[in-house]
């Protein structure tokens, strides 16, 4: 095997080294672009995930609000129904009492007049 002279060795290094350095440099730039692209994609996905979580949270809050509202309406309807039932009981008791008093008055009147029923 022959020995290379210093100028031949330098020429050999330039011939082989420059393309290798260029390839490495291009690979470094490509990798940096890929890293930047991955970071942008990650940021976009993170933002999308946050928006999705916000939508889910808002939907859950709305669902809970609807449930609370429905429960409040149901309770109000039940209170109204209870008040109506109580008013009907009071009215019915009053009517029954009035009928009993009318029957007593009628019986007393019949006794006084001597009319038999």
N, C-alpha and C. Protein backbone atom coordinates (compact mmCIF):
# COMPACT_ATOMS: atom_id res chain seq x y z
N UNK A 1 0.83 -1.17 0.00
CA UNK A 1 0.00 0.00 0.00
C UNK A 1 0.88 1.24 0.00
N UNK A 2 0.54 2.16 -0.81
CA UNK A 2 1.34 3.37 -0.95
C UNK A 2 1.00 4.37 0.14
N UNK A 3 1.93 5.17 0.52
CA UNK A 3 1.69 6.25 1.46
C UNK A 3 1.31 7.49 0.68
N UNK A 4 0.39 8.21 1.26
CA UNK A 4 -0.05 9.45 0.62
C UNK A 4 0.83 10.60 1.08
N UNK A 5 1.09 11.48 0.15
CA UNK A 5 1.82 12.68 0.52
C UNK A 5 0.83 13.61 1.22
N UNK A 6 1.37 14.59 1.90
CA UNK A 6 0.49 15.51 2.63
C UNK A 6 -0.50 16.18 1.68
N UNK A 7 -0.12 16.68 0.52
CA UNK A 7 -1.10 17.30 -0.36
C UNK A 7 -2.14 16.28 -0.84
N UNK A 8 -1.71 15.06 -1.11
CA UNK A 8 -2.67 14.03 -1.54
C UNK A 8 -3.64 13.71 -0.40
N UNK A 9 -3.09 13.65 0.81
CA UNK A 9 -3.93 13.34 1.98
C UNK A 9 -4.97 14.45 2.20
N UNK A 10 -4.54 15.71 2.05
CA UNK A 10 -5.47 16.85 2.20
C UNK A 10 -6.52 16.80 1.10
N UNK A 11 -6.10 16.49 -0.10
CA UNK A 11 -7.05 16.39 -1.20
C UNK A 11 -8.05 15.26 -0.93
N UNK A 12 -7.51 14.15 -0.42
CA UNK A 12 -8.38 13.01 -0.09
C UNK A 12 -9.39 13.40 0.98
N UNK A 13 -8.93 14.12 2.02
CA UNK A 13 -9.85 14.55 3.08
C UNK A 13 -10.94 15.47 2.52
N UNK A 14 -10.57 16.41 1.67
CA UNK A 14 -11.57 17.29 1.07
C UNK A 14 -12.54 16.51 0.20
N UNK A 15 -11.99 15.55 -0.55
CA UNK A 15 -12.83 14.77 -1.46
C UNK A 15 -13.85 13.95 -0.68
N UNK A 16 -13.41 13.36 0.39
CA UNK A 16 -14.29 12.50 1.18
C UNK A 16 -14.98 13.30 2.30
N UNK A 17 -14.25 14.17 2.96
CA UNK A 17 -14.74 14.88 4.14
C UNK A 17 -15.82 15.89 3.85
N UNK A 18 -15.66 16.65 2.79
CA UNK A 18 -16.65 17.70 2.49
C UNK A 18 -18.04 17.10 2.24
N UNK A 19 -18.17 16.07 1.39
CA UNK A 19 -19.50 15.50 1.21
C UNK A 19 -20.06 14.90 2.51
N UNK A 20 -19.18 14.29 3.31
CA UNK A 20 -19.67 13.71 4.58
C UNK A 20 -20.14 14.83 5.51
N UNK A 21 -19.35 15.89 5.59
CA UNK A 21 -19.75 17.03 6.43
C UNK A 21 -21.06 17.62 5.91
N UNK A 22 -21.19 17.72 4.61
CA UNK A 22 -22.42 18.25 4.03
C UNK A 22 -23.61 17.34 4.37
N UNK A 23 -23.40 16.03 4.26
CA UNK A 23 -24.48 15.08 4.61
C UNK A 23 -24.87 15.20 6.08
N UNK A 24 -23.87 15.27 6.94
CA UNK A 24 -24.14 15.41 8.38
C UNK A 24 -24.86 16.72 8.65
N UNK A 25 -24.36 17.80 8.05
CA UNK A 25 -25.00 19.11 8.24
C UNK A 25 -26.45 19.09 7.77
N UNK A 26 -26.72 18.51 6.61
CA UNK A 26 -28.08 18.40 6.10
C UNK A 26 -28.95 17.55 7.02
N UNK A 27 -28.37 16.47 7.56
CA UNK A 27 -29.12 15.62 8.49
C UNK A 27 -29.47 16.38 9.76
N UNK A 28 -28.51 17.19 10.24
CA UNK A 28 -28.76 18.00 11.44
C UNK A 28 -29.90 18.99 11.17
N UNK A 29 -29.85 19.66 10.02
CA UNK A 29 -30.91 20.63 9.68
C UNK A 29 -32.26 19.91 9.54
N UNK A 30 -32.25 18.74 8.90
CA UNK A 30 -33.49 17.98 8.73
C UNK A 30 -34.04 17.55 10.10
N UNK A 31 -33.16 17.08 10.95
CA UNK A 31 -33.59 16.68 12.30
C UNK A 31 -34.17 17.86 13.07
N UNK A 32 -33.54 19.02 12.94
CA UNK A 32 -34.05 20.21 13.62
C UNK A 32 -35.43 20.56 13.10
N UNK A 33 -35.62 20.48 11.77
CA UNK A 33 -36.94 20.75 11.18
C UNK A 33 -37.97 19.74 11.70
N UNK A 34 -37.56 18.47 11.80
CA UNK A 34 -38.47 17.45 12.32
C UNK A 34 -38.83 17.71 13.77
N UNK A 35 -37.84 18.11 14.56
CA UNK A 35 -38.09 18.43 15.97
C UNK A 35 -39.04 19.61 16.06
N UNK A 36 -38.80 20.65 15.26
CA UNK A 36 -39.69 21.83 15.26
C UNK A 36 -41.10 21.43 14.83
N UNK A 37 -41.18 20.61 13.79
CA UNK A 37 -42.47 20.17 13.30
C UNK A 37 -43.19 19.33 14.36
N UNK A 38 -42.47 18.45 15.04
CA UNK A 38 -43.05 17.64 16.11
C UNK A 38 -43.55 18.52 17.25
N UNK A 39 -42.76 19.55 17.58
CA UNK A 39 -43.17 20.45 18.66
C UNK A 39 -44.46 21.19 18.27
N UNK A 40 -44.53 21.67 17.02
CA UNK A 40 -45.75 22.35 16.57
C UNK A 40 -46.94 21.41 16.62
N UNK A 41 -46.75 20.19 16.15
CA UNK A 41 -47.82 19.20 16.18
C UNK A 41 -48.24 18.90 17.61
N UNK A 42 -47.26 18.75 18.50
CA UNK A 42 -47.57 18.51 19.91
C UNK A 42 -48.37 19.67 20.50
N UNK A 43 -47.94 20.90 20.20
CA UNK A 43 -48.65 22.08 20.69
C UNK A 43 -50.09 22.12 20.16
N UNK A 44 -50.25 21.79 18.87
CA UNK A 44 -51.60 21.78 18.29
C UNK A 44 -52.47 20.71 18.95
N UNK A 45 -51.90 19.53 19.15
CA UNK A 45 -52.66 18.45 19.78
C UNK A 45 -53.00 18.79 21.23
N UNK A 46 -52.06 19.42 21.92
CA UNK A 46 -52.33 19.84 23.30
C UNK A 46 -53.46 20.87 23.34
N UNK A 47 -53.42 21.83 22.44
CA UNK A 47 -54.48 22.84 22.38
C UNK A 47 -55.81 22.20 22.04
N UNK A 48 -55.81 21.26 21.09
CA UNK A 48 -57.04 20.57 20.72
C UNK A 48 -57.57 19.77 21.90
N UNK A 49 -56.70 19.10 22.64
CA UNK A 49 -57.11 18.33 23.81
C UNK A 49 -57.72 19.25 24.87
N UNK A 50 -57.11 20.42 25.06
CA UNK A 50 -57.64 21.38 26.03
C UNK A 50 -59.02 21.87 25.61
N UNK A 51 -59.20 22.14 24.29
CA UNK A 51 -60.52 22.56 23.81
C UNK A 51 -61.54 21.44 24.02
N UNK A 52 -61.15 20.22 23.73
CA UNK A 52 -62.04 19.08 23.91
C UNK A 52 -62.44 18.95 25.38
N UNK A 53 -61.45 19.08 26.28
CA UNK A 53 -61.74 19.00 27.71
C UNK A 53 -62.68 20.13 28.15
N UNK A 54 -62.49 21.33 27.57
CA UNK A 54 -63.38 22.45 27.87
C UNK A 54 -64.81 22.14 27.42
N UNK A 55 -64.94 21.58 26.21
CA UNK A 55 -66.26 21.23 25.69
C UNK A 55 -66.92 20.19 26.59
N UNK A 56 -66.17 19.17 26.98
CA UNK A 56 -66.71 18.13 27.85
C UNK A 56 -67.13 18.72 29.19
N UNK A 57 -66.30 19.60 29.74
CA UNK A 57 -66.62 20.24 31.02
C UNK A 57 -67.90 21.08 30.91
N UNK A 58 -67.99 21.86 29.83
CA UNK A 58 -69.16 22.71 29.63
C UNK A 58 -70.42 21.85 29.47
N UNK A 59 -70.30 20.77 28.69
CA UNK A 59 -71.45 19.88 28.52
C UNK A 59 -71.87 19.27 29.86
N UNK A 60 -70.90 18.87 30.66
CA UNK A 60 -71.20 18.30 31.98
C UNK A 60 -71.87 19.34 32.87
N UNK A 61 -71.37 20.57 32.84
CA UNK A 61 -71.99 21.63 33.64
C UNK A 61 -73.42 21.88 33.20
N UNK A 62 -73.63 21.91 31.89
CA UNK A 62 -74.99 22.12 31.37
C UNK A 62 -75.90 20.97 31.77
N UNK A 63 -75.39 19.75 31.67
CA UNK A 63 -76.18 18.58 32.06
C UNK A 63 -76.56 18.66 33.54
N UNK A 64 -75.60 19.01 34.38
CA UNK A 64 -75.87 19.14 35.81
C UNK A 64 -76.88 20.26 36.07
N UNK A 65 -76.76 21.37 35.36
CA UNK A 65 -77.70 22.48 35.53
C UNK A 65 -79.11 22.06 35.12
N UNK A 66 -79.21 21.33 34.01
CA UNK A 66 -80.52 20.84 33.56
C UNK A 66 -81.11 19.90 34.60
N UNK A 67 -80.28 19.02 35.15
CA UNK A 67 -80.78 18.10 36.18
C UNK A 67 -81.25 18.86 37.41
N UNK A 68 -80.48 19.87 37.84
CA UNK A 68 -80.88 20.68 39.00
C UNK A 68 -82.20 21.39 38.72
N UNK A 69 -82.30 21.96 37.54
CA UNK A 69 -83.52 22.68 37.17
C UNK A 69 -84.71 21.73 37.15
N UNK A 70 -84.54 20.56 36.57
CA UNK A 70 -85.63 19.59 36.52
C UNK A 70 -86.03 19.16 37.93
N UNK A 71 -85.05 18.94 38.80
CA UNK A 71 -85.34 18.55 40.17
C UNK A 71 -86.07 19.68 40.91
N UNK A 72 -85.62 20.92 40.70
CA UNK A 72 -86.30 22.05 41.33
C UNK A 72 -87.73 22.18 40.83
N UNK A 73 -87.93 22.01 39.54
CA UNK A 73 -89.30 22.08 38.99
C UNK A 73 -90.16 20.96 39.55
N UNK A 74 -89.58 19.75 39.65
CA UNK A 74 -90.34 18.63 40.20
C UNK A 74 -90.74 18.91 41.64
N UNK A 75 -89.78 19.45 42.43
CA UNK A 75 -90.09 19.78 43.82
C UNK A 75 -91.17 20.85 43.91
N UNK A 76 -91.10 21.84 43.04
CA UNK A 76 -92.11 22.91 43.03
C UNK A 76 -93.49 22.33 42.66
N UNK A 77 -93.51 21.46 41.67
CA UNK A 77 -94.78 20.82 41.28
C UNK A 77 -95.34 20.01 42.45
N UNK A 78 -94.47 19.30 43.15
CA UNK A 78 -94.93 18.51 44.30
C UNK A 78 -95.47 19.42 45.40
N UNK A 79 -94.81 20.56 45.65
CA UNK A 79 -95.31 21.51 46.67
C UNK A 79 -96.67 22.06 46.25
N UNK A 80 -96.81 22.41 44.97
CA UNK A 80 -98.09 22.93 44.47
C UNK A 80 -99.17 21.86 44.63
N UNK A 81 -98.84 20.63 44.28
CA UNK A 81 -99.81 19.55 44.39
C UNK A 81 -100.21 19.33 45.85
N UNK A 82 -99.26 19.38 46.75
CA UNK A 82 -99.56 19.23 48.17
C UNK A 82 -100.46 20.36 48.67
N UNK A 83 -100.18 21.61 48.22
CA UNK A 83 -101.02 22.74 48.62
C UNK A 83 -102.43 22.57 48.08
N UNK A 84 -102.55 22.12 46.84
CA UNK A 84 -103.89 21.90 46.26
C UNK A 84 -104.64 20.82 47.03
N UNK A 85 -103.94 19.73 47.36
CA UNK A 85 -104.59 18.67 48.13
C UNK A 85 -105.04 19.18 49.49
N UNK A 86 -104.19 19.97 50.13
CA UNK A 86 -104.55 20.54 51.43
C UNK A 86 -105.75 21.48 51.30
N UNK A 87 -105.76 22.29 50.25
CA UNK A 87 -106.90 23.20 50.03
C UNK A 87 -108.18 22.39 49.78
N UNK A 88 -108.04 21.31 49.01
CA UNK A 88 -109.21 20.47 48.77
C UNK A 88 -109.70 19.82 50.06
N UNK A 89 -108.79 19.37 50.93
CA UNK A 89 -109.18 18.79 52.22
C UNK A 89 -109.90 19.83 53.08
N UNK A 90 -109.33 21.03 53.13
CA UNK A 90 -109.95 22.10 53.92
C UNK A 90 -111.33 22.41 53.37
N UNK A 91 -111.44 22.52 52.05
CA UNK A 91 -112.73 22.82 51.43
C UNK A 91 -113.73 21.69 51.69
N UNK A 92 -113.28 20.45 51.53
CA UNK A 92 -114.15 19.30 51.77
C UNK A 92 -114.60 19.26 53.22
N UNK A 93 -113.68 19.48 54.15
CA UNK A 93 -114.05 19.52 55.57
C UNK A 93 -115.05 20.63 55.84
N UNK A 94 -114.83 21.79 55.23
CA UNK A 94 -115.74 22.91 55.41
C UNK A 94 -117.13 22.58 54.86
N UNK A 95 -117.17 21.95 53.69
CA UNK A 95 -118.46 21.57 53.09
C UNK A 95 -119.14 20.52 53.96
N UNK A 96 -118.39 19.52 54.43
CA UNK A 96 -118.98 18.49 55.29
C UNK A 96 -119.52 19.10 56.58
N UNK A 97 -118.75 20.02 57.15
CA UNK A 97 -119.20 20.68 58.37
C UNK A 97 -120.47 21.50 58.09
N UNK A 98 -120.48 22.20 56.96
CA UNK A 98 -121.65 22.98 56.59
C UNK A 98 -122.87 22.07 56.39
N UNK A 99 -122.67 20.93 55.74
CA UNK A 99 -123.77 19.98 55.53
C UNK A 99 -124.29 19.46 56.86
N UNK A 100 -123.36 19.12 57.77
CA UNK A 100 -123.77 18.63 59.09
C UNK A 100 -124.57 19.70 59.83
N UNK A 101 -124.06 20.93 59.77
CA UNK A 101 -124.79 22.02 60.44
C UNK A 101 -126.14 22.25 59.79
N UNK A 102 -126.19 22.16 58.47
CA UNK A 102 -127.47 22.33 57.77
C UNK A 102 -128.43 21.21 58.13
N UNK A 103 -127.89 19.98 58.24
CA UNK A 103 -128.75 18.85 58.62
C UNK A 103 -129.29 19.04 60.04
N UNK A 104 -128.42 19.53 60.96
CA UNK A 104 -128.86 19.78 62.33
C UNK A 104 -129.94 20.86 62.33
N UNK A 105 -129.68 21.96 61.59
CA UNK A 105 -130.64 23.05 61.52
C UNK A 105 -131.96 22.54 60.93
N UNK A 106 -131.85 21.73 59.91
CA UNK A 106 -133.05 21.18 59.27
C UNK A 106 -133.80 20.28 60.25
N UNK A 107 -133.06 19.46 61.01
CA UNK A 107 -133.71 18.57 61.98
C UNK A 107 -134.39 19.39 63.08
N UNK A 108 -133.73 20.43 63.56
CA UNK A 108 -134.32 21.29 64.59
C UNK A 108 -135.57 21.96 64.05
N UNK A 109 -135.51 22.45 62.84
CA UNK A 109 -136.65 23.11 62.21
C UNK A 109 -137.80 22.13 62.04
N UNK A 110 -137.49 20.91 61.66
CA UNK A 110 -138.54 19.90 61.46
C UNK A 110 -139.18 19.56 62.80
N UNK A 111 -138.35 19.48 63.88
CA UNK A 111 -138.91 19.19 65.20
C UNK A 111 -139.81 20.32 65.66
N UNK A 112 -139.43 21.53 65.41
CA UNK A 112 -140.21 22.69 65.85
C UNK A 112 -141.54 22.77 65.09
N UNK A 113 -141.47 22.45 63.82
CA UNK A 113 -142.70 22.55 63.02
C UNK A 113 -143.52 21.30 63.12
N UNK A 114 -142.96 20.24 63.67
CA UNK A 114 -143.69 19.00 63.81
C UNK A 114 -143.77 18.20 62.53
N UNK A 115 -142.97 18.52 61.58
CA UNK A 115 -142.98 17.78 60.31
C UNK A 115 -142.02 16.61 60.46
N UNK A 116 -142.50 15.43 60.04
CA UNK A 116 -141.65 14.24 60.11
C UNK A 116 -141.04 13.99 58.73
N UNK A 117 -139.80 13.60 58.74
CA UNK A 117 -139.15 13.35 57.46
C UNK A 117 -139.24 11.91 57.08
